[in-house]
Amino acid sequence: MALGDSFRIITMEQAKTLPRWRRPQTLLFVMACAMPIAFATWSALLNNFVIEMAQFDGSDIGWLHTVREIPGFLAIGVIALILVIREQVLGLVALILLGFATALTAHFPSLGGLLFVTLLSSVGFHYYETINQSLQLQWIDKKAAPQMLGWLLSMGSAATLLAYVLIVLTWRAYDLSYDTVYWLAGGVTAAIALISLIVYPQFESPNPQAKKMILRRRYWLYYVLQFMSGARRQIFVVFAAFMMVEHYSYEVHQITGLFMTTLLINMGVAPVLGRAVAFFGERAALIFEYAGLTLVFVLYAGLYYFDWGPWMAAALYVINHLFFSLALAIKTYFQKIADPGDIAPTAAVAFTINHIAAVFLPVGLGFLWLSSPMSVFVLAALMAAVSLMFSLLIPRHPQPGQETVFMRPLPAAAE
């Protein structure tokens, strides 16, 4: 197939005849590389940028992340968009928007300006993530899903690592500005997405997707796990790195070096965790994750009481990320219990549910942070413990009709 046929719609069977670099699974890897280049750079520089250039305090960073999560809460809008835009096209356009908005970040060194450009980039990020999760579950076979998702995580980690290495090696050596770095990272992501939009054909998923909002009672445990995951992760994303800059005075190259170390470990561990989920099952993986996260957040709180120092904070950051990698088990749990045509609309609904708490938690906890940072991490530990209790309800072999331990397998899935 020539590049001139890029906008031709082909089936997954026809895609098997394409060169490997033009197949749907390869496109998933390309997108997994493109997104972190912009997002990881934005994240690595953010805490230093807002403190040095915009004089943020804990309340301001809370407001910024609340605004950042609003598009995630509105990810259900993807259902309306896929009525007129193919999922694959929408995902790549969202990546272009993420890259463009990232490039503009340093031009807005104020609370109001950063709220605007962050909202713009967040639309790109969250709509891309919604589509990406949907395409992964549609394009990857169930049996291979845990391992493949592990490799995709590893590929994303590699791209993030590349961004971090470049920042560490060049930031001080060449006295780079925030403006230069944000423009380079955002431009690369947007360029990769644009080229992919042109080069890859349009792949027809094997199962037609319902293009309306779907809420099924039998998916209730999946919805709960998504809600708790979003609330708990939000506390970590907003306050863990911010704490290291504010409390331990980490500089740009130091915080980026920590992120780089985390990614190096994740690159090797993520595929192993994928195989572990396939071998032990989603129930065991999530029980292990939530038990570990409960302990990690308790230790985070202890940093303020016992003052264990910056090395302990760094170690907890790395360990926390390793536990978060097991969250792929939530995806494969849903893939096993879902009707094939429910994946796209449910991905949008689940992303919205995942971000309900993310809209109000950062700003509320930002105020709590001003008086008691330790309390923020205590709350995260309690959320992890609640998630642990819900994970006990996942059956050893989930399937339609056996979504929780309370249900017996049925011949056909019932709502």
Protein backbone atom coordinates (compact mmCIF):
# COMPACT_ATOMS: atom_id res chain seq x y z
CA MET A 1 0.00 0.00 0.00
CA ALA A 2 1.40 3.40 -0.97
CA LEU A 3 1.48 6.43 1.26
CA GLY A 4 -1.14 7.97 -1.01
CA ASP A 5 -3.63 5.45 0.41
CA SER A 6 -3.16 6.79 3.94
CA PHE A 7 -6.76 7.93 4.35
CA ARG A 8 -8.20 4.67 3.06
CA ILE A 9 -10.15 2.68 5.64
CA ILE A 10 -8.90 -0.90 6.00
CA THR A 11 -9.90 -3.79 8.24
CA MET A 12 -7.65 -5.32 10.88
CA GLU A 13 -7.26 -8.41 8.67
CA GLN A 14 -6.10 -6.28 5.76
CA ALA A 15 -3.70 -4.47 8.10
CA LYS A 16 -1.81 -7.75 8.61
CA THR A 17 -0.57 -7.47 5.02
CA LEU A 18 1.03 -4.07 5.64
CA PRO A 19 4.68 -3.60 6.53
CA ARG A 20 5.12 -3.86 10.30
CA TRP A 21 5.84 -0.17 10.66
CA ARG A 22 2.40 0.72 9.27
CA ARG A 23 0.28 -1.71 11.31
CA PRO A 24 -2.14 -0.58 14.05
CA GLN A 25 -0.03 -1.99 16.90
CA THR A 26 2.95 0.02 15.65
CA LEU A 27 0.84 3.17 15.61
CA LEU A 28 0.03 2.52 19.28
CA PHE A 29 3.75 2.45 20.01
CA VAL A 30 4.34 5.64 18.01
CA MET A 31 1.64 7.45 19.95
CA ALA A 32 3.00 6.02 23.20
CA CYS A 33 6.31 7.70 22.32
CA ALA A 34 4.90 11.01 21.09
CA MET A 35 2.70 11.97 24.04
CA PRO A 36 5.33 11.78 26.84
CA ILE A 37 7.80 14.03 24.99
CA ALA A 38 5.51 17.03 25.52
CA PHE A 39 3.79 15.95 28.72
CA ALA A 40 6.92 14.73 30.54
CA THR A 41 8.78 17.93 29.70
CA TRP A 42 5.86 20.03 30.89
CA SER A 43 5.70 18.04 34.13
CA ALA A 44 9.47 18.06 34.74
CA LEU A 45 9.75 21.84 34.50
CA LEU A 46 6.37 22.78 35.92
CA ASN A 47 7.07 23.00 39.66
CA ASN A 48 10.26 25.00 39.21
CA PHE A 49 8.64 27.21 36.57
CA VAL A 50 5.60 28.12 38.64
CA ILE A 51 7.67 28.78 41.78
CA GLU A 52 10.48 30.74 40.08
CA MET A 53 8.55 32.59 37.38
CA ALA A 54 4.99 32.83 38.72
CA GLN A 55 5.60 32.73 42.51
CA PHE A 56 3.07 29.94 43.13
CA ASP A 57 2.20 28.64 46.60
CA GLY A 58 0.34 25.44 47.52
CA SER A 59 -3.05 27.00 46.86
CA ASP A 60 -2.03 28.20 43.38
CA ILE A 61 -0.68 24.79 42.33
CA GLY A 62 -3.92 23.26 43.56
CA TRP A 63 -5.94 25.62 41.35
CA LEU A 64 -3.71 24.86 38.36
CA HIS A 65 -4.21 21.12 38.66
CA THR A 66 -7.94 21.51 39.25
CA VAL A 67 -8.23 23.40 35.96
CA ARG A 68 -5.97 20.82 34.31
CA GLU A 69 -8.38 18.06 35.25
CA ILE A 70 -11.57 19.73 33.99
CA PRO A 71 -11.15 18.34 30.43
CA GLY A 72 -10.68 14.89 31.96
CA PHE A 73 -13.99 15.30 33.74
CA LEU A 74 -15.51 16.31 30.38
CA ALA A 75 -13.91 13.42 28.47
CA ILE A 76 -17.41 12.07 27.96
CA GLY A 77 -17.57 14.60 25.13
CA VAL A 78 -15.49 12.16 23.10
CA ILE A 79 -18.69 10.18 22.53
CA ALA A 80 -20.19 13.14 20.66
CA LEU A 81 -17.02 13.76 18.68
CA ILE A 82 -16.66 10.17 17.43
CA LEU A 83 -20.06 10.58 15.77
CA VAL A 84 -18.34 12.78 13.18
CA ILE A 85 -14.60 12.01 13.62
CA ARG A 86 -12.93 8.62 13.54
CA GLU A 87 -11.31 7.66 16.85
CA GLN A 88 -7.86 7.31 15.30
CA VAL A 89 -8.05 10.80 13.73
CA LEU A 90 -9.39 12.37 16.91
CA GLY A 91 -6.58 10.86 18.97
CA LEU A 92 -3.88 12.25 16.68
CA VAL A 93 -5.51 15.69 16.46
CA ALA A 94 -5.62 15.76 20.26
CA LEU A 95 -1.88 14.99 20.31
CA ILE A 96 -1.23 17.93 17.99
CA LEU A 97 -3.18 20.20 20.36
CA LEU A 98 -1.18 18.92 23.34
CA GLY A 99 2.10 19.67 21.57
CA PHE A 100 1.03 23.14 20.47
CA ALA A 101 -0.21 24.15 23.93
CA THR A 102 2.94 22.80 25.60
CA ALA A 103 5.05 24.95 23.28
CA LEU A 104 3.19 28.07 24.48
CA THR A 105 3.50 27.40 28.22
CA ALA A 106 6.44 29.67 29.05
CA HIS A 107 4.72 32.64 27.40
CA PHE A 108 2.20 32.77 30.27
CA PRO A 109 4.16 33.21 33.56
CA SER A 110 1.13 34.17 35.68
CA LEU A 111 -1.70 32.33 37.40
CA GLY A 112 -4.33 33.44 34.88
CA GLY A 113 -2.13 32.79 31.86
CA LEU A 114 -1.05 29.36 33.07
CA LEU A 115 -4.63 28.39 33.83
CA PHE A 116 -5.54 29.20 30.21
CA VAL A 117 -2.68 27.39 28.47
CA THR A 118 -2.93 24.45 30.88
CA LEU A 119 -6.62 24.06 30.06
CA LEU A 120 -5.76 24.02 26.36
CA SER A 121 -3.03 21.39 26.72
CA SER A 122 -5.23 19.36 29.03
CA VAL A 123 -7.95 19.08 26.40
CA GLY A 124 -5.37 17.54 24.08
CA PHE A 125 -3.93 15.25 26.74
CA HIS A 126 -7.19 13.91 28.16
CA TYR A 127 -8.95 13.43 24.84
CA TYR A 128 -5.87 11.65 23.50
CA GLU A 129 -5.72 9.40 26.58
CA THR A 130 -9.42 8.54 26.29
CA ILE A 131 -9.05 7.54 22.64
CA ASN A 132 -5.75 5.77 23.26
CA GLN A 133 -7.21 3.53 25.96
CA SER A 134 -10.14 2.69 23.70
CA LEU A 135 -7.94 1.82 20.71
CA GLN A 136 -5.61 -0.30 22.85
CA LEU A 137 -8.47 -2.48 24.07
CA GLN A 138 -9.97 -2.73 20.56
CA TRP A 139 -6.76 -3.42 18.64
CA ILE A 140 -5.00 -5.78 21.08
CA ASP A 141 -6.11 -9.38 21.62
CA LYS A 142 -7.35 -10.17 25.15
CA LYS A 143 -4.77 -12.88 25.73
CA ALA A 144 -1.88 -10.61 24.75
CA ALA A 145 -3.28 -7.46 26.38
CA PRO A 146 -1.43 -7.48 29.74
CA GLN A 147 1.95 -8.09 28.12
CA MET A 148 1.32 -5.62 25.28
CA LEU A 149 0.10 -2.93 27.67
CA GLY A 150 3.25 -3.50 29.71
CA TRP A 151 5.39 -2.96 26.62
CA LEU A 152 3.44 0.18 25.73
CA LEU A 153 4.08 1.49 29.24
CA SER A 154 7.74 0.70 28.79
CA MET A 155 7.85 2.51 25.44
CA GLY A 156 6.20 5.56 26.99
CA SER A 157 8.75 5.41 29.79
CA ALA A 158 11.58 5.31 27.23
CA ALA A 159 10.27 8.44 25.50
CA THR A 160 9.88 10.17 28.84
CA LEU A 161 13.40 9.11 29.79
CA LEU A 162 14.76 10.63 26.58
CA ALA A 163 13.10 13.94 27.44
CA TYR A 164 14.52 13.85 30.97
CA VAL A 165 18.04 12.95 29.80
CA LEU A 166 18.09 15.84 27.37
CA ILE A 167 16.92 18.25 30.09
CA VAL A 168 19.53 17.02 32.57
CA LEU A 169 22.39 17.17 30.01
CA THR A 170 21.51 20.52 28.46
CA TRP A 171 19.65 22.61 31.05
CA ARG A 172 22.69 23.92 32.93
CA ALA A 173 25.34 23.20 30.26
CA TYR A 174 23.66 25.48 27.72
CA ASP A 175 21.77 27.72 30.16
CA LEU A 176 18.48 26.89 28.45
CA SER A 177 15.33 28.89 29.01
CA TYR A 178 11.91 27.48 29.84
CA ASP A 179 10.66 28.95 26.58
CA THR A 180 13.19 27.05 24.44
CA VAL A 181 12.61 23.69 26.09
CA TYR A 182 8.81 23.93 25.99
CA TRP A 183 8.85 24.91 22.31
CA LEU A 184 11.16 22.03 21.33
CA ALA A 185 9.22 19.38 23.27
CA GLY A 186 5.79 20.55 22.15
CA GLY A 187 6.93 20.90 18.55
CA VAL A 188 8.31 17.35 18.39
CA THR A 189 5.07 15.86 19.75
CA ALA A 190 2.92 17.85 17.32
CA ALA A 191 5.17 16.89 14.38
CA ILE A 192 5.06 13.16 15.17
CA ALA A 193 1.26 13.27 15.46
CA LEU A 194 0.89 15.17 12.18
CA ILE A 195 3.17 12.74 10.32
CA SER A 196 1.25 9.77 11.77
CA LEU A 197 -2.01 11.33 10.63
CA ILE A 198 -0.65 11.38 7.08
CA VAL A 199 1.35 8.15 6.96
CA TYR A 200 -0.96 5.60 8.62
CA PRO A 201 -4.14 4.28 6.99
CA GLN A 202 -7.42 4.38 8.90
CA PHE A 203 -7.93 1.10 10.73
CA GLU A 204 -11.44 -0.32 11.11
CA SER A 205 -11.85 -1.92 14.53
CA PRO A 206 -13.18 -5.50 14.51
CA ASN A 207 -16.27 -4.61 16.57
CA PRO A 208 -18.46 -1.58 15.77
CA GLN A 209 -18.57 0.76 18.76
CA ALA A 210 -21.74 2.13 20.31
CA LYS A 211 -21.71 5.91 19.84
CA LYS A 212 -23.78 6.90 22.84
CA MET A 213 -23.23 7.14 26.56
CA ILE A 214 -23.35 3.72 28.22
CA LEU A 215 -23.67 3.04 31.95
CA ARG A 216 -24.17 -0.60 32.83
CA ARG A 217 -24.89 -1.86 36.32
CA ARG A 218 -22.63 -4.84 35.85
CA TYR A 219 -19.65 -2.51 35.30
CA TRP A 220 -20.15 -0.82 38.68
CA LEU A 221 -16.94 -2.19 40.24
CA TYR A 222 -14.91 -0.95 37.26
CA TYR A 223 -16.42 2.51 37.71
CA VAL A 224 -15.58 2.53 41.44
CA LEU A 225 -11.99 1.44 40.82
CA GLN A 226 -11.62 4.20 38.23
CA PHE A 227 -12.97 6.82 40.65
CA MET A 228 -10.68 5.79 43.48
CA SER A 229 -7.68 5.55 41.14
CA GLY A 230 -8.24 9.09 39.89
CA ALA A 231 -8.62 10.55 43.38
CA ARG A 232 -5.56 8.80 44.79
CA ARG A 233 -3.31 9.43 41.80
CA GLN A 234 -4.26 13.09 41.76
CA ILE A 235 -2.88 13.63 45.24
CA PHE A 236 0.41 12.07 44.20
CA VAL A 237 0.70 13.92 40.88
CA VAL A 238 -0.07 17.32 42.38
CA PHE A 239 1.79 17.20 45.67
CA ALA A 240 4.62 14.62 45.60
CA ALA A 241 6.98 16.50 43.27
CA PHE A 242 5.76 19.89 44.54
CA MET A 243 6.75 18.80 48.06
CA MET A 244 10.28 17.98 46.95
CA VAL A 245 10.73 21.42 45.36
CA GLU A 246 9.05 23.37 48.17
CA HIS A 247 10.20 21.34 51.21
CA TYR A 248 13.56 19.99 50.02
CA SER A 249 14.52 22.72 47.47
CA TYR A 250 15.11 20.35 44.54
CA GLU A 251 16.38 22.21 41.44
CA VAL A 252 15.31 21.56 37.82
CA HIS A 253 18.17 19.16 37.04
CA GLN A 254 17.65 17.33 40.37
CA ILE A 255 13.91 16.82 40.04
CA THR A 256 14.39 15.78 36.41
CA GLY A 257 17.13 13.37 37.47
CA LEU A 258 14.70 11.79 39.92
CA PHE A 259 12.08 11.46 37.19
CA MET A 260 14.75 9.94 34.93
CA THR A 261 15.70 7.35 37.53
CA THR A 262 12.04 6.45 37.97
CA LEU A 263 11.61 5.98 34.24
CA LEU A 264 14.71 3.82 33.89
CA ILE A 265 13.33 1.45 36.50
CA ASN A 266 9.86 1.50 34.95
CA MET A 267 11.21 0.64 31.51
CA GLY A 268 12.55 -2.64 32.82
CA VAL A 269 9.78 -3.40 35.27
CA ALA A 270 6.63 -2.53 33.24
CA PRO A 271 6.81 -5.54 30.85
CA VAL A 272 7.48 -7.81 33.85
CA LEU A 273 4.43 -6.39 35.62
CA GLY A 274 2.38 -7.00 32.49
CA ARG A 275 3.38 -10.66 32.51
CA ALA A 276 2.67 -10.80 36.26
CA VAL A 277 -0.89 -9.53 35.71
CA ALA A 278 -1.38 -12.16 32.99
CA PHE A 279 -0.06 -14.92 35.29
CA PHE A 280 -1.55 -13.96 38.69
CA GLY A 281 -4.69 -12.22 37.44
CA GLU A 282 -6.14 -8.76 37.96
CA ARG A 283 -7.42 -9.46 41.48
CA ALA A 284 -3.99 -10.36 42.91
CA ALA A 285 -2.25 -7.53 41.03
CA LEU A 286 -4.59 -4.84 42.32
CA ILE A 287 -4.57 -6.18 45.89
CA PHE A 288 -0.77 -6.00 45.83
CA GLU A 289 -0.82 -2.48 44.32
CA TYR A 290 -3.26 -0.98 46.81
CA ALA A 291 -1.66 -2.59 49.85
CA GLY A 292 1.69 -1.20 48.74
CA LEU A 293 0.30 2.27 48.02
CA THR A 294 -1.33 2.44 51.45
CA LEU A 295 2.06 1.87 53.07
CA VAL A 296 3.83 4.32 50.74
CA PHE A 297 1.42 7.17 51.49
CA VAL A 298 1.71 6.52 55.24
CA LEU A 299 5.48 6.88 54.85
CA TYR A 300 5.00 10.06 52.83
CA ALA A 301 3.08 11.51 55.77
CA GLY A 302 5.91 10.39 58.04
CA LEU A 303 8.34 12.58 56.11
CA TYR A 304 6.84 15.63 57.81
CA TYR A 305 6.72 14.07 61.26
CA PHE A 306 10.08 12.32 61.36
CA ASP A 307 11.94 14.42 58.74
CA TRP A 308 13.65 11.44 57.07
CA GLY A 309 15.15 13.73 54.45
CA PRO A 310 15.17 14.16 50.64
CA TRP A 311 16.58 10.70 49.88
CA MET A 312 13.63 9.00 51.56
CA ALA A 313 11.24 11.25 49.65
CA ALA A 314 12.98 10.30 46.40
CA ALA A 315 12.83 6.58 47.20
CA LEU A 316 9.10 6.79 47.96
CA TYR A 317 8.52 8.61 44.68
CA VAL A 318 10.15 5.80 42.70
CA ILE A 319 8.32 3.04 44.61
CA ASN A 320 5.00 4.84 44.19
CA HIS A 321 5.43 4.90 40.41
CA LEU A 322 6.18 1.18 40.34
CA PHE A 323 2.93 0.41 42.12
CA PHE A 324 1.02 2.71 39.76
CA SER A 325 2.24 0.63 36.81
CA LEU A 326 -0.01 -2.19 38.01
CA ALA A 327 -3.04 -0.01 37.23
CA LEU A 328 -3.02 -1.64 33.77
CA ALA A 329 -4.89 -4.46 35.54
CA ILE A 330 -7.96 -2.20 35.71
CA LYS A 331 -7.92 -1.96 31.90
CA THR A 332 -7.57 -5.70 31.36
CA TYR A 333 -10.26 -6.40 33.98
CA PHE A 334 -12.67 -4.25 31.99
CA GLN A 335 -11.59 -5.81 28.70
CA LYS A 336 -12.51 -9.25 30.09
CA ILE A 337 -15.99 -8.26 31.36
CA ALA A 338 -17.04 -5.82 28.60
CA ASP A 339 -19.22 -6.28 25.57
CA PRO A 340 -16.86 -5.60 22.60
CA GLY A 341 -18.99 -2.72 21.35
CA ASP A 342 -18.94 -0.96 24.73
CA ILE A 343 -15.22 -0.22 24.82
CA ALA A 344 -15.13 3.25 23.19
CA PRO A 345 -18.11 4.83 25.00
CA THR A 346 -17.18 3.21 28.30
CA ALA A 347 -13.60 4.48 27.98
CA ALA A 348 -15.01 8.02 27.77
CA VAL A 349 -17.38 7.47 30.71
CA ALA A 350 -14.63 5.86 32.79
CA PHE A 351 -12.25 8.72 32.08
CA THR A 352 -14.88 11.17 33.28
CA ILE A 353 -15.47 9.12 36.43
CA ASN A 354 -11.71 8.92 36.97
CA HIS A 355 -11.57 12.72 37.00
CA ILE A 356 -14.57 13.55 39.19
CA ALA A 357 -12.42 13.82 42.30
CA ALA A 358 -9.58 15.39 40.30
CA VAL A 359 -11.67 18.50 39.67
CA PHE A 360 -12.20 19.42 43.30
CA LEU A 361 -9.42 17.60 45.19
CA PRO A 362 -6.40 19.70 44.09
CA VAL A 363 -7.89 23.06 45.05
CA GLY A 364 -9.38 21.75 48.30
CA LEU A 365 -6.22 19.93 49.29
CA GLY A 366 -4.18 22.94 48.19
CA PHE A 367 -5.72 24.90 51.06
CA LEU A 368 -5.17 21.96 53.43
CA TRP A 369 -1.55 21.83 52.27
CA LEU A 370 -0.98 25.37 53.55
CA SER A 371 -1.69 24.26 57.13
CA SER A 372 -0.87 20.52 57.16
CA PRO A 373 0.94 18.83 54.23
CA MET A 374 1.09 15.60 56.26
CA SER A 375 -2.74 15.42 56.32
CA VAL A 376 -2.83 15.39 52.52
CA PHE A 377 -0.81 12.17 52.39
CA VAL A 378 -2.80 10.62 55.26
CA LEU A 379 -5.92 11.13 53.15
CA ALA A 380 -4.21 9.45 50.20
CA ALA A 381 -3.36 6.45 52.40
CA LEU A 382 -7.02 6.14 53.43
CA MET A 383 -8.08 6.22 49.77
CA ALA A 384 -5.61 3.46 48.93
CA ALA A 385 -6.98 1.35 51.79
CA VAL A 386 -10.53 1.80 50.46
CA SER A 387 -9.35 0.75 47.00
CA LEU A 388 -7.80 -2.35 48.56
CA MET A 389 -11.17 -3.36 49.99
CA PHE A 390 -12.88 -2.96 46.60
CA SER A 391 -10.17 -4.95 44.83
CA LEU A 392 -11.12 -7.95 46.98
CA LEU A 393 -14.42 -8.05 45.05
CA ILE A 394 -12.74 -8.87 41.72
CA PRO A 395 -13.11 -12.59 40.83
CA ARG A 396 -10.05 -14.66 40.00
CA HIS A 397 -11.28 -15.12 36.42
CA PRO A 398 -13.51 -12.14 35.49
CA GLN A 399 -15.79 -12.50 32.49
CA PRO A 400 -19.20 -11.26 31.31
CA GLY A 401 -21.70 -12.36 33.92
CA GLN A 402 -18.98 -12.77 36.56
CA GLU A 403 -17.87 -9.20 37.12
CA THR A 404 -17.60 -9.52 40.92
CA VAL A 405 -17.17 -12.34 43.44
CA PHE A 406 -20.89 -12.08 44.21
CA MET A 407 -21.91 -13.22 40.72
CA ARG A 408 -21.80 -16.61 39.05
CA PRO A 409 -20.90 -16.90 35.34
CA LEU A 410 -23.92 -16.77 33.06
CA PRO A 411 -24.35 -17.99 29.46
CA ALA A 412 -24.72 -14.37 28.35
CA ALA A 413 -23.86 -11.11 30.06
CA ALA A 414 -26.77 -9.39 31.73
CA GLU A 415 -26.96 -5.78 32.68
